[in-house]
Amino acid sequence: MKKILLVAGTALVLAGCGEKGDFEKAINAKISKSKLCYSLQDNNIVFNKGFPIRVNSGYRSAGYSASDEILKGLSEQGLLNVSQQPNGFSSVDVLEVTDQGQQVEFWDKKDGACVGHRVVAEITGWTEPSESDGLKVTQVSYTWKLADVPGWVDKDAFSGVKGMAEPEEAKIVLVKTNNGWSAR
């Protein structure tokens, strides 16, 4: 009897681990596609014309902005000087590479200044998969962190960027397909 219970218990534990792994794979396929970057409409302009660059900050909503936090990190680390210059009724950011910034290759022609990409740190829970509009769905709670952080990044200077210092909580809906779980 004890052997049967032990085998059944082990099977349940392993089944749970399989789902967690499947969920992590599906979520990573979705969230790790794009890098977390401070980017301009034309990043190549920096290489064609050089710094300083005038950037129209446009309307900034209140709250967290990864782009703003990366720009702050570049400034705090001493790679860029960021100042504001009047421009009619608003202002523009003026970005100028410092002497220290000229020693570091932090700007990519395609993506701008990137500090990594998101990956799942831990699956923390999920709802029992259920039917919704003929599809099997589940909501997964997880934490994510930044991975592939470039060596030039001083994590203290970029501590305002979510996922840099501590994992961040998130939720996502996954759909069961013929190829496993997939993020919506």
N, C-alpha and C. Protein backbone atom coordinates (compact mmCIF):
# COMPACT_ATOMS: atom_id res chain seq x y z
N MET A 1 0.82 -1.19 0.00
CA MET A 1 0.00 0.00 0.00
C MET A 1 0.87 1.26 0.00
N LYS A 2 1.94 1.24 0.83
CA LYS A 2 2.82 2.39 0.91
C LYS A 2 3.50 2.64 -0.43
N LYS A 3 3.87 1.55 -1.14
CA LYS A 3 4.52 1.69 -2.43
C LYS A 3 3.59 2.34 -3.44
N ILE A 4 2.32 1.96 -3.41
CA ILE A 4 1.33 2.53 -4.34
C ILE A 4 1.18 4.02 -4.07
N LEU A 5 1.07 4.40 -2.80
CA LEU A 5 0.94 5.81 -2.45
C LEU A 5 2.19 6.59 -2.85
N LEU A 6 3.36 6.00 -2.65
CA LEU A 6 4.61 6.66 -3.01
C LEU A 6 4.69 6.88 -4.52
N VAL A 7 4.32 5.87 -5.30
CA VAL A 7 4.34 5.97 -6.76
C VAL A 7 3.33 7.02 -7.22
N ALA A 8 2.12 7.00 -6.64
CA ALA A 8 1.09 7.97 -7.02
C ALA A 8 1.53 9.39 -6.67
N GLY A 9 2.11 9.56 -5.50
CA GLY A 9 2.60 10.88 -5.07
C GLY A 9 3.71 11.39 -5.97
N THR A 10 4.64 10.53 -6.32
CA THR A 10 5.74 10.90 -7.21
C THR A 10 5.20 11.29 -8.58
N ALA A 11 4.23 10.56 -9.08
CA ALA A 11 3.63 10.87 -10.39
C ALA A 11 2.97 12.25 -10.36
N LEU A 12 2.28 12.57 -9.28
CA LEU A 12 1.64 13.89 -9.17
C LEU A 12 2.68 15.00 -9.14
N VAL A 13 3.75 14.81 -8.39
CA VAL A 13 4.80 15.82 -8.31
C VAL A 13 5.44 16.02 -9.68
N LEU A 14 5.75 14.94 -10.37
CA LEU A 14 6.38 15.04 -11.68
C LEU A 14 5.44 15.67 -12.70
N ALA A 15 4.15 15.39 -12.60
CA ALA A 15 3.18 16.00 -13.52
C ALA A 15 3.16 17.51 -13.33
N GLY A 16 3.22 17.95 -12.08
CA GLY A 16 3.25 19.39 -11.79
C GLY A 16 4.51 20.04 -12.34
N CYS A 17 5.65 19.37 -12.23
CA CYS A 17 6.91 19.91 -12.73
C CYS A 17 6.86 20.05 -14.25
N GLY A 18 6.23 19.09 -14.92
CA GLY A 18 6.10 19.14 -16.37
C GLY A 18 5.30 20.35 -16.81
N GLU A 19 4.18 20.61 -16.13
CA GLU A 19 3.36 21.77 -16.47
C GLU A 19 4.15 23.05 -16.23
N LYS A 20 4.83 23.15 -15.11
CA LYS A 20 5.63 24.34 -14.82
C LYS A 20 6.64 24.60 -15.93
N GLY A 21 7.33 23.54 -16.35
CA GLY A 21 8.32 23.66 -17.42
C GLY A 21 7.68 24.08 -18.73
N ASP A 22 6.50 23.51 -19.03
CA ASP A 22 5.79 23.87 -20.25
C ASP A 22 5.34 25.33 -20.20
N PHE A 23 4.85 25.77 -19.04
CA PHE A 23 4.42 27.16 -18.87
C PHE A 23 5.61 28.10 -19.06
N GLU A 24 6.73 27.76 -18.42
CA GLU A 24 7.93 28.61 -18.51
C GLU A 24 8.39 28.73 -19.96
N LYS A 25 8.38 27.63 -20.68
CA LYS A 25 8.80 27.63 -22.08
C LYS A 25 7.89 28.54 -22.91
N ALA A 26 6.57 28.44 -22.71
CA ALA A 26 5.61 29.25 -23.46
C ALA A 26 5.75 30.73 -23.13
N ILE A 27 5.92 31.04 -21.85
CA ILE A 27 6.05 32.44 -21.44
C ILE A 27 7.35 33.03 -21.97
N ASN A 28 8.45 32.29 -21.85
CA ASN A 28 9.73 32.78 -22.36
C ASN A 28 9.68 33.02 -23.86
N ALA A 29 8.95 32.16 -24.59
CA ALA A 29 8.82 32.34 -26.03
C ALA A 29 8.18 33.69 -26.34
N LYS A 30 7.31 34.15 -25.45
CA LYS A 30 6.62 35.43 -25.65
C LYS A 30 7.45 36.61 -25.13
N ILE A 31 7.93 36.54 -23.87
CA ILE A 31 8.52 37.73 -23.25
C ILE A 31 9.99 37.96 -23.57
N SER A 32 10.70 36.93 -24.01
CA SER A 32 12.14 37.13 -24.23
C SER A 32 12.46 37.50 -25.67
N LYS A 33 11.43 37.70 -26.51
CA LYS A 33 11.66 38.04 -27.91
C LYS A 33 12.31 39.40 -28.08
N SER A 34 11.86 40.36 -27.27
CA SER A 34 12.35 41.72 -27.48
C SER A 34 13.28 42.16 -26.35
N LYS A 35 14.29 42.92 -26.74
CA LYS A 35 15.25 43.45 -25.78
C LYS A 35 14.64 44.66 -25.08
N LEU A 36 15.14 44.98 -23.91
CA LEU A 36 14.73 46.16 -23.17
C LEU A 36 15.76 47.25 -23.49
N CYS A 37 15.31 48.29 -24.23
CA CYS A 37 16.25 49.27 -24.77
C CYS A 37 15.74 50.70 -24.65
N TYR A 38 16.68 51.64 -24.63
CA TYR A 38 16.38 53.05 -24.89
C TYR A 38 16.68 53.20 -26.36
N SER A 39 15.67 53.58 -27.14
CA SER A 39 15.81 53.56 -28.58
C SER A 39 15.26 54.84 -29.19
N LEU A 40 15.84 55.24 -30.31
CA LEU A 40 15.35 56.37 -31.08
C LEU A 40 14.64 55.84 -32.32
N GLN A 41 13.90 56.71 -33.00
CA GLN A 41 13.23 56.26 -34.23
C GLN A 41 14.24 55.78 -35.25
N ASP A 42 15.40 56.43 -35.30
CA ASP A 42 16.47 56.03 -36.21
C ASP A 42 17.76 55.95 -35.41
N ASN A 43 18.07 54.77 -34.88
CA ASN A 43 19.27 54.60 -34.05
C ASN A 43 20.55 54.79 -34.85
N ASN A 44 20.48 54.58 -36.15
CA ASN A 44 21.66 54.71 -37.00
C ASN A 44 22.11 56.16 -37.12
N ILE A 45 21.19 57.12 -36.83
CA ILE A 45 21.52 58.54 -36.93
C ILE A 45 22.72 58.88 -36.04
N VAL A 46 22.83 58.19 -34.92
CA VAL A 46 23.94 58.43 -33.99
C VAL A 46 25.27 58.15 -34.69
N PHE A 47 25.29 57.13 -35.54
CA PHE A 47 26.52 56.77 -36.22
C PHE A 47 26.76 57.65 -37.45
N ASN A 48 25.68 58.14 -38.06
CA ASN A 48 25.82 58.99 -39.24
C ASN A 48 26.16 60.43 -38.87
N LYS A 49 25.50 60.96 -37.84
CA LYS A 49 25.70 62.36 -37.47
C LYS A 49 26.46 62.53 -36.17
N GLY A 50 26.42 61.52 -35.31
CA GLY A 50 27.11 61.60 -34.03
C GLY A 50 26.32 62.34 -32.97
N PHE A 51 26.87 62.36 -31.78
CA PHE A 51 26.27 63.07 -30.66
C PHE A 51 26.74 64.52 -30.70
N PRO A 52 26.11 65.48 -30.08
CA PRO A 52 24.89 65.35 -29.29
C PRO A 52 23.66 65.14 -30.19
N ILE A 53 22.67 64.50 -29.61
CA ILE A 53 21.40 64.23 -30.28
C ILE A 53 20.31 64.97 -29.53
N ARG A 54 19.42 65.60 -30.27
CA ARG A 54 18.24 66.25 -29.67
C ARG A 54 17.07 65.30 -29.84
N VAL A 55 16.43 64.97 -28.72
CA VAL A 55 15.33 64.00 -28.73
C VAL A 55 14.09 64.67 -28.18
N ASN A 56 13.04 64.71 -29.00
CA ASN A 56 11.77 65.25 -28.54
C ASN A 56 11.15 64.24 -27.59
N SER A 57 11.05 64.63 -26.33
CA SER A 57 10.52 63.71 -25.32
C SER A 57 9.03 63.48 -25.52
N GLY A 58 8.36 64.40 -26.19
CA GLY A 58 6.93 64.23 -26.41
C GLY A 58 6.15 64.20 -25.11
N TYR A 59 4.94 63.74 -25.19
CA TYR A 59 4.09 63.64 -24.00
C TYR A 59 4.51 62.44 -23.18
N ARG A 60 4.82 62.65 -21.94
CA ARG A 60 5.20 61.55 -21.05
C ARG A 60 4.10 61.37 -20.03
N SER A 61 3.57 60.17 -19.98
CA SER A 61 2.54 59.89 -18.99
C SER A 61 3.20 59.61 -17.65
N ALA A 62 2.42 59.80 -16.60
CA ALA A 62 2.93 59.53 -15.26
C ALA A 62 3.15 58.04 -15.10
N GLY A 63 4.02 57.67 -14.20
CA GLY A 63 4.25 56.25 -13.94
C GLY A 63 5.56 55.77 -14.51
N TYR A 64 5.72 54.46 -14.48
CA TYR A 64 6.98 53.83 -14.87
C TYR A 64 7.17 53.81 -16.38
N SER A 65 8.36 54.13 -16.82
CA SER A 65 8.75 54.01 -18.22
C SER A 65 10.14 53.38 -18.27
N ALA A 66 10.22 52.18 -18.84
CA ALA A 66 11.51 51.49 -18.93
C ALA A 66 12.51 52.34 -19.71
N SER A 67 12.04 52.98 -20.77
CA SER A 67 12.92 53.81 -21.59
C SER A 67 13.52 54.96 -20.76
N ASP A 68 12.67 55.64 -19.97
CA ASP A 68 13.16 56.72 -19.11
C ASP A 68 14.17 56.20 -18.09
N GLU A 69 13.89 55.02 -17.52
CA GLU A 69 14.79 54.46 -16.51
C GLU A 69 16.14 54.06 -17.11
N ILE A 70 16.13 53.58 -18.34
CA ILE A 70 17.39 53.24 -19.02
C ILE A 70 18.18 54.52 -19.28
N LEU A 71 17.50 55.57 -19.73
CA LEU A 71 18.17 56.85 -19.97
C LEU A 71 18.77 57.38 -18.66
N LYS A 72 18.02 57.27 -17.56
CA LYS A 72 18.55 57.68 -16.24
C LYS A 72 19.79 56.86 -15.89
N GLY A 73 19.74 55.55 -16.16
CA GLY A 73 20.88 54.69 -15.87
C GLY A 73 22.11 55.07 -16.68
N LEU A 74 21.91 55.39 -17.96
CA LEU A 74 23.04 55.81 -18.80
C LEU A 74 23.67 57.08 -18.24
N SER A 75 22.82 57.97 -17.74
CA SER A 75 23.31 59.21 -17.15
C SER A 75 24.00 58.95 -15.80
N GLU A 76 23.36 58.15 -14.94
CA GLU A 76 23.93 57.87 -13.61
C GLU A 76 25.25 57.12 -13.71
N GLN A 77 25.38 56.27 -14.72
CA GLN A 77 26.63 55.53 -14.89
C GLN A 77 27.72 56.42 -15.49
N GLY A 78 27.32 57.59 -15.98
CA GLY A 78 28.30 58.52 -16.53
C GLY A 78 28.61 58.30 -18.00
N LEU A 79 27.73 57.59 -18.71
CA LEU A 79 27.96 57.33 -20.14
C LEU A 79 27.39 58.45 -21.01
N LEU A 80 26.30 59.07 -20.54
CA LEU A 80 25.65 60.16 -21.27
C LEU A 80 25.40 61.32 -20.33
N ASN A 81 25.52 62.54 -20.87
CA ASN A 81 24.99 63.71 -20.20
C ASN A 81 23.62 63.96 -20.81
N VAL A 82 22.62 64.13 -19.98
CA VAL A 82 21.26 64.38 -20.46
C VAL A 82 20.84 65.74 -19.91
N SER A 83 20.49 66.65 -20.82
CA SER A 83 20.01 67.96 -20.40
C SER A 83 18.75 68.30 -21.18
N GLN A 84 18.02 69.30 -20.71
CA GLN A 84 16.82 69.74 -21.41
C GLN A 84 17.09 71.10 -22.03
N GLN A 85 16.51 71.29 -23.21
CA GLN A 85 16.66 72.54 -23.93
C GLN A 85 15.27 73.01 -24.34
N PRO A 86 14.95 74.30 -24.14
CA PRO A 86 13.63 74.79 -24.53
C PRO A 86 13.40 74.60 -26.03
N ASN A 87 12.16 74.29 -26.37
CA ASN A 87 11.77 74.10 -27.77
C ASN A 87 10.32 74.53 -27.91
N GLY A 88 10.09 75.82 -28.10
CA GLY A 88 8.72 76.32 -28.16
C GLY A 88 8.08 76.23 -26.78
N PHE A 89 6.93 75.58 -26.73
CA PHE A 89 6.21 75.45 -25.46
C PHE A 89 6.63 74.21 -24.67
N SER A 90 7.51 73.42 -25.24
CA SER A 90 7.97 72.21 -24.54
C SER A 90 9.50 72.24 -24.49
N SER A 91 10.09 71.09 -24.30
CA SER A 91 11.55 71.01 -24.29
C SER A 91 11.98 69.71 -24.97
N VAL A 92 13.24 69.67 -25.33
CA VAL A 92 13.81 68.45 -25.90
C VAL A 92 14.95 67.99 -25.00
N ASP A 93 15.17 66.68 -24.98
CA ASP A 93 16.32 66.13 -24.27
C ASP A 93 17.53 66.24 -25.20
N VAL A 94 18.64 66.66 -24.66
CA VAL A 94 19.89 66.70 -25.41
C VAL A 94 20.79 65.63 -24.81
N LEU A 95 21.15 64.64 -25.63
CA LEU A 95 21.98 63.53 -25.19
C LEU A 95 23.39 63.72 -25.73
N GLU A 96 24.35 63.69 -24.83
CA GLU A 96 25.74 63.88 -25.23
C GLU A 96 26.60 62.81 -24.57
N VAL A 97 27.39 62.11 -25.36
CA VAL A 97 28.26 61.06 -24.83
C VAL A 97 29.39 61.71 -24.03
N THR A 98 29.66 61.15 -22.86
CA THR A 98 30.75 61.63 -22.01
C THR A 98 32.06 60.98 -22.45
N ASP A 99 33.15 61.43 -21.88
CA ASP A 99 34.45 60.79 -22.15
C ASP A 99 34.41 59.32 -21.76
N GLN A 100 33.79 59.04 -20.60
CA GLN A 100 33.65 57.65 -20.15
C GLN A 100 32.79 56.85 -21.13
N GLY A 101 31.73 57.47 -21.64
CA GLY A 101 30.84 56.80 -22.59
C GLY A 101 31.52 56.46 -23.90
N GLN A 102 32.51 57.27 -24.28
CA GLN A 102 33.24 57.00 -25.52
C GLN A 102 34.13 55.76 -25.40
N GLN A 103 34.41 55.35 -24.18
CA GLN A 103 35.24 54.16 -23.95
C GLN A 103 34.42 52.87 -23.98
N VAL A 104 33.08 53.00 -24.01
CA VAL A 104 32.19 51.84 -23.90
C VAL A 104 31.30 51.77 -25.14
N GLU A 105 31.17 50.60 -25.71
CA GLU A 105 30.26 50.42 -26.85
C GLU A 105 28.88 50.06 -26.32
N PHE A 106 28.10 51.07 -25.98
CA PHE A 106 26.78 50.84 -25.40
C PHE A 106 25.65 51.11 -26.38
N TRP A 107 25.94 51.68 -27.55
CA TRP A 107 24.88 52.04 -28.49
C TRP A 107 24.92 51.12 -29.70
N ASP A 108 23.80 50.47 -29.99
CA ASP A 108 23.67 49.56 -31.12
C ASP A 108 22.96 50.28 -32.26
N LYS A 109 23.46 50.15 -33.49
CA LYS A 109 22.87 50.83 -34.65
C LYS A 109 21.39 50.48 -34.83
N LYS A 110 21.03 49.25 -34.52
CA LYS A 110 19.66 48.79 -34.75
C LYS A 110 18.75 49.06 -33.55
N ASP A 111 19.23 48.75 -32.34
CA ASP A 111 18.35 48.75 -31.17
C ASP A 111 18.54 49.90 -30.19
N GLY A 112 19.63 50.64 -30.27
CA GLY A 112 19.90 51.69 -29.28
C GLY A 112 20.71 51.13 -28.13
N ALA A 113 20.41 51.59 -26.91
CA ALA A 113 21.13 51.13 -25.71
C ALA A 113 20.27 50.09 -25.00
N CYS A 114 20.68 48.83 -25.08
CA CYS A 114 19.89 47.72 -24.53
C CYS A 114 20.53 47.18 -23.26
N VAL A 115 19.68 46.82 -22.30
CA VAL A 115 20.18 46.35 -21.00
C VAL A 115 19.79 44.91 -20.70
N GLY A 116 19.32 44.17 -21.71
CA GLY A 116 18.96 42.77 -21.53
C GLY A 116 17.58 42.48 -22.07
N HIS A 117 17.07 41.29 -21.74
CA HIS A 117 15.71 40.91 -22.12
C HIS A 117 15.09 40.14 -20.96
N ARG A 118 13.76 40.06 -20.97
CA ARG A 118 13.04 39.41 -19.87
C ARG A 118 13.06 37.89 -20.02
N VAL A 119 13.20 37.20 -18.89
CA VAL A 119 13.05 35.75 -18.83
C VAL A 119 12.32 35.40 -17.54
N VAL A 120 11.65 34.26 -17.56
CA VAL A 120 10.94 33.79 -16.37
C VAL A 120 11.95 33.46 -15.28
N ALA A 121 11.73 33.98 -14.09
CA ALA A 121 12.55 33.62 -12.93
C ALA A 121 11.92 32.43 -12.23
N GLU A 122 10.58 32.48 -12.08
CA GLU A 122 9.89 31.40 -11.37
C GLU A 122 8.40 31.42 -11.72
N ILE A 123 7.83 30.23 -11.90
CA ILE A 123 6.38 30.08 -12.02
C ILE A 123 5.86 29.98 -10.60
N THR A 124 4.97 30.90 -10.21
CA THR A 124 4.51 30.93 -8.82
C THR A 124 3.12 30.34 -8.62
N GLY A 125 2.37 30.17 -9.70
CA GLY A 125 1.04 29.57 -9.58
C GLY A 125 0.29 29.65 -10.90
N TRP A 126 -0.83 28.92 -10.96
CA TRP A 126 -1.67 28.97 -12.15
C TRP A 126 -3.06 28.49 -11.80
N THR A 127 -4.01 28.91 -12.62
CA THR A 127 -5.38 28.46 -12.43
C THR A 127 -5.54 27.09 -13.07
N GLU A 128 -6.53 26.37 -12.60
CA GLU A 128 -6.84 25.07 -13.21
C GLU A 128 -7.24 25.33 -14.66
N PRO A 129 -6.61 24.66 -15.64
CA PRO A 129 -6.99 24.88 -17.03
C PRO A 129 -8.48 24.63 -17.24
N SER A 130 -9.12 25.54 -17.99
CA SER A 130 -10.56 25.43 -18.23
C SER A 130 -10.88 25.81 -19.66
N GLU A 131 -12.11 25.51 -20.07
CA GLU A 131 -12.56 25.81 -21.43
C GLU A 131 -13.06 27.26 -21.51
N SER A 132 -12.66 27.97 -22.57
CA SER A 132 -13.12 29.33 -22.82
C SER A 132 -13.20 29.50 -24.33
N ASP A 133 -14.40 29.70 -24.84
CA ASP A 133 -14.63 29.82 -26.28
C ASP A 133 -14.04 28.65 -27.06
N GLY A 134 -14.17 27.46 -26.51
CA GLY A 134 -13.69 26.25 -27.17
C GLY A 134 -12.19 26.01 -27.02
N LEU A 135 -11.51 26.86 -26.26
CA LEU A 135 -10.08 26.71 -26.06
C LEU A 135 -9.79 26.36 -24.61
N LYS A 136 -8.75 25.60 -24.39
CA LYS A 136 -8.32 25.29 -23.03
C LYS A 136 -7.32 26.37 -22.62
N VAL A 137 -7.64 27.12 -21.55
CA VAL A 137 -6.81 28.24 -21.12
C VAL A 137 -6.47 28.15 -19.63
N THR A 138 -5.40 28.82 -19.26
CA THR A 138 -5.02 28.94 -17.86
C THR A 138 -4.34 30.29 -17.66
N GLN A 139 -4.49 30.85 -16.48
CA GLN A 139 -3.76 32.08 -16.15
C GLN A 139 -2.59 31.70 -15.25
N VAL A 140 -1.40 32.12 -15.65
CA VAL A 140 -0.18 31.75 -14.93
C VAL A 140 0.41 32.99 -14.26
N SER A 141 0.73 32.85 -12.98
CA SER A 141 1.45 33.89 -12.24
C SER A 141 2.92 33.50 -12.23
N TYR A 142 3.79 34.48 -12.45
CA TYR A 142 5.21 34.19 -12.51
C TYR A 142 6.01 35.44 -12.13
N THR A 143 7.29 35.25 -11.92
CA THR A 143 8.19 36.39 -11.77
C THR A 143 9.17 36.35 -12.93
N TRP A 144 9.62 37.52 -13.33
CA TRP A 144 10.61 37.62 -14.40
C TRP A 144 11.77 38.50 -13.95
N LYS A 145 12.89 38.31 -14.62
CA LYS A 145 14.09 39.11 -14.37
C LYS A 145 14.74 39.41 -15.71
N LEU A 146 15.75 40.26 -15.69
CA LEU A 146 16.49 40.55 -16.91
C LEU A 146 17.64 39.56 -17.06
N ALA A 147 17.83 39.10 -18.29
CA ALA A 147 18.92 38.17 -18.62
C ALA A 147 19.77 38.80 -19.71
N ASP A 148 20.93 38.24 -19.90
CA ASP A 148 21.88 38.72 -20.92
C ASP A 148 22.16 40.21 -20.76
N VAL A 149 22.31 40.65 -19.50
CA VAL A 149 22.65 42.04 -19.22
C VAL A 149 24.09 42.26 -19.69
N PRO A 150 24.32 43.27 -20.55
CA PRO A 150 25.67 43.49 -21.06
C PRO A 150 26.67 43.79 -19.95
N GLY A 151 27.92 43.44 -20.18
CA GLY A 151 28.97 43.63 -19.18
C GLY A 151 29.22 45.09 -18.82
N TRP A 152 28.89 46.02 -19.71
CA TRP A 152 29.13 47.44 -19.43
C TRP A 152 28.11 48.02 -18.45
N VAL A 153 27.01 47.32 -18.21
CA VAL A 153 25.95 47.84 -17.34
C VAL A 153 26.35 47.76 -15.87
N ASP A 154 26.29 48.89 -15.18
CA ASP A 154 26.46 48.94 -13.73
C ASP A 154 25.06 48.79 -13.14
N LYS A 155 24.79 47.63 -12.55
CA LYS A 155 23.43 47.33 -12.07
C LYS A 155 22.93 48.33 -11.04
N ASP A 156 23.83 48.93 -10.27
CA ASP A 156 23.41 49.96 -9.31
C ASP A 156 22.89 51.20 -10.04
N ALA A 157 23.56 51.61 -11.11
CA ALA A 157 23.13 52.78 -11.87
C ALA A 157 21.79 52.52 -12.56
N PHE A 158 21.51 51.27 -12.90
CA PHE A 158 20.28 50.92 -13.61
C PHE A 158 19.26 50.26 -12.69
N SER A 159 19.40 50.47 -11.39
CA SER A 159 18.50 49.80 -10.43
C SER A 159 17.04 50.20 -10.59
N GLY A 160 16.76 51.33 -11.24
CA GLY A 160 15.38 51.75 -11.48
C GLY A 160 14.71 50.96 -12.59
N VAL A 161 15.48 50.20 -13.37
CA VAL A 161 14.92 49.38 -14.45
C VAL A 161 14.35 48.12 -13.83
N LYS A 162 13.06 47.89 -14.04
CA LYS A 162 12.41 46.72 -13.45
C LYS A 162 13.10 45.44 -13.92
N GLY A 163 13.28 44.51 -12.97
CA GLY A 163 13.89 43.23 -13.27
C GLY A 163 15.40 43.22 -13.17
N MET A 164 16.01 44.40 -13.01
CA MET A 164 17.47 44.47 -12.93
C MET A 164 17.96 43.97 -11.57
N ALA A 165 17.36 44.47 -10.50
CA ALA A 165 17.82 44.11 -9.16
C ALA A 165 17.03 42.94 -8.56
N GLU A 166 15.73 42.96 -8.72
CA GLU A 166 14.85 41.96 -8.13
C GLU A 166 13.86 41.46 -9.18
N PRO A 167 13.43 40.20 -9.10
CA PRO A 167 12.40 39.71 -10.01
C PRO A 167 11.10 40.50 -9.85
N GLU A 168 10.36 40.66 -10.93
CA GLU A 168 9.09 41.37 -10.95
C GLU A 168 7.95 40.37 -11.14
N GLU A 169 6.81 40.64 -10.51
CA GLU A 169 5.65 39.77 -10.63
C GLU A 169 4.85 40.11 -11.89
N ALA A 170 4.26 39.07 -12.50
CA ALA A 170 3.44 39.27 -13.68
C ALA A 170 2.46 38.10 -13.81
N LYS A 171 1.46 38.30 -14.68
CA LYS A 171 0.49 37.25 -15.00
C LYS A 171 0.31 37.22 -16.51
N ILE A 172 -0.03 36.04 -17.01
CA ILE A 172 -0.24 35.89 -18.45
C ILE A 172 -1.24 34.77 -18.67
N VAL A 173 -2.01 34.88 -19.75
CA VAL A 173 -2.96 33.83 -20.13
C VAL A 173 -2.30 32.94 -21.18
N LEU A 174 -2.34 31.63 -20.94
CA LEU A 174 -1.80 30.66 -21.89
C LEU A 174 -2.94 29.84 -22.47
N VAL A 175 -2.79 29.46 -23.74
CA VAL A 175 -3.78 28.66 -24.46
C VAL A 175 -3.12 27.34 -24.84
N LYS A 176 -3.85 26.25 -24.64
CA LYS A 176 -3.34 24.92 -25.02
C LYS A 176 -3.55 24.74 -26.52
N THR A 177 -2.47 24.42 -27.24
CA THR A 177 -2.56 24.18 -28.68
C THR A 177 -2.06 22.76 -28.96
N ASN A 178 -2.08 22.37 -30.22
CA ASN A 178 -1.56 21.05 -30.58
C ASN A 178 -0.04 20.98 -30.40
N ASN A 179 0.61 22.13 -30.21
CA ASN A 179 2.06 22.18 -29.97
C ASN A 179 2.39 22.53 -28.53
N GLY A 180 1.44 22.35 -27.62
CA GLY A 180 1.68 22.68 -26.21
C GLY A 180 1.05 24.00 -25.85
N TRP A 181 1.50 24.59 -24.75
CA TRP A 181 0.96 25.86 -24.28
C TRP A 181 1.57 27.02 -25.06
N SER A 182 0.74 28.05 -25.31
CA SER A 182 1.19 29.22 -26.05
C SER A 182 0.62 30.47 -25.39
N ALA A 183 1.42 31.53 -25.33
CA ALA A 183 0.96 32.79 -24.73
C ALA A 183 0.10 33.56 -25.71
N ARG A 184 -0.93 34.19 -25.17
CA ARG A 184 -1.80 35.03 -26.01
C ARG A 184 -1.15 36.35 -26.28
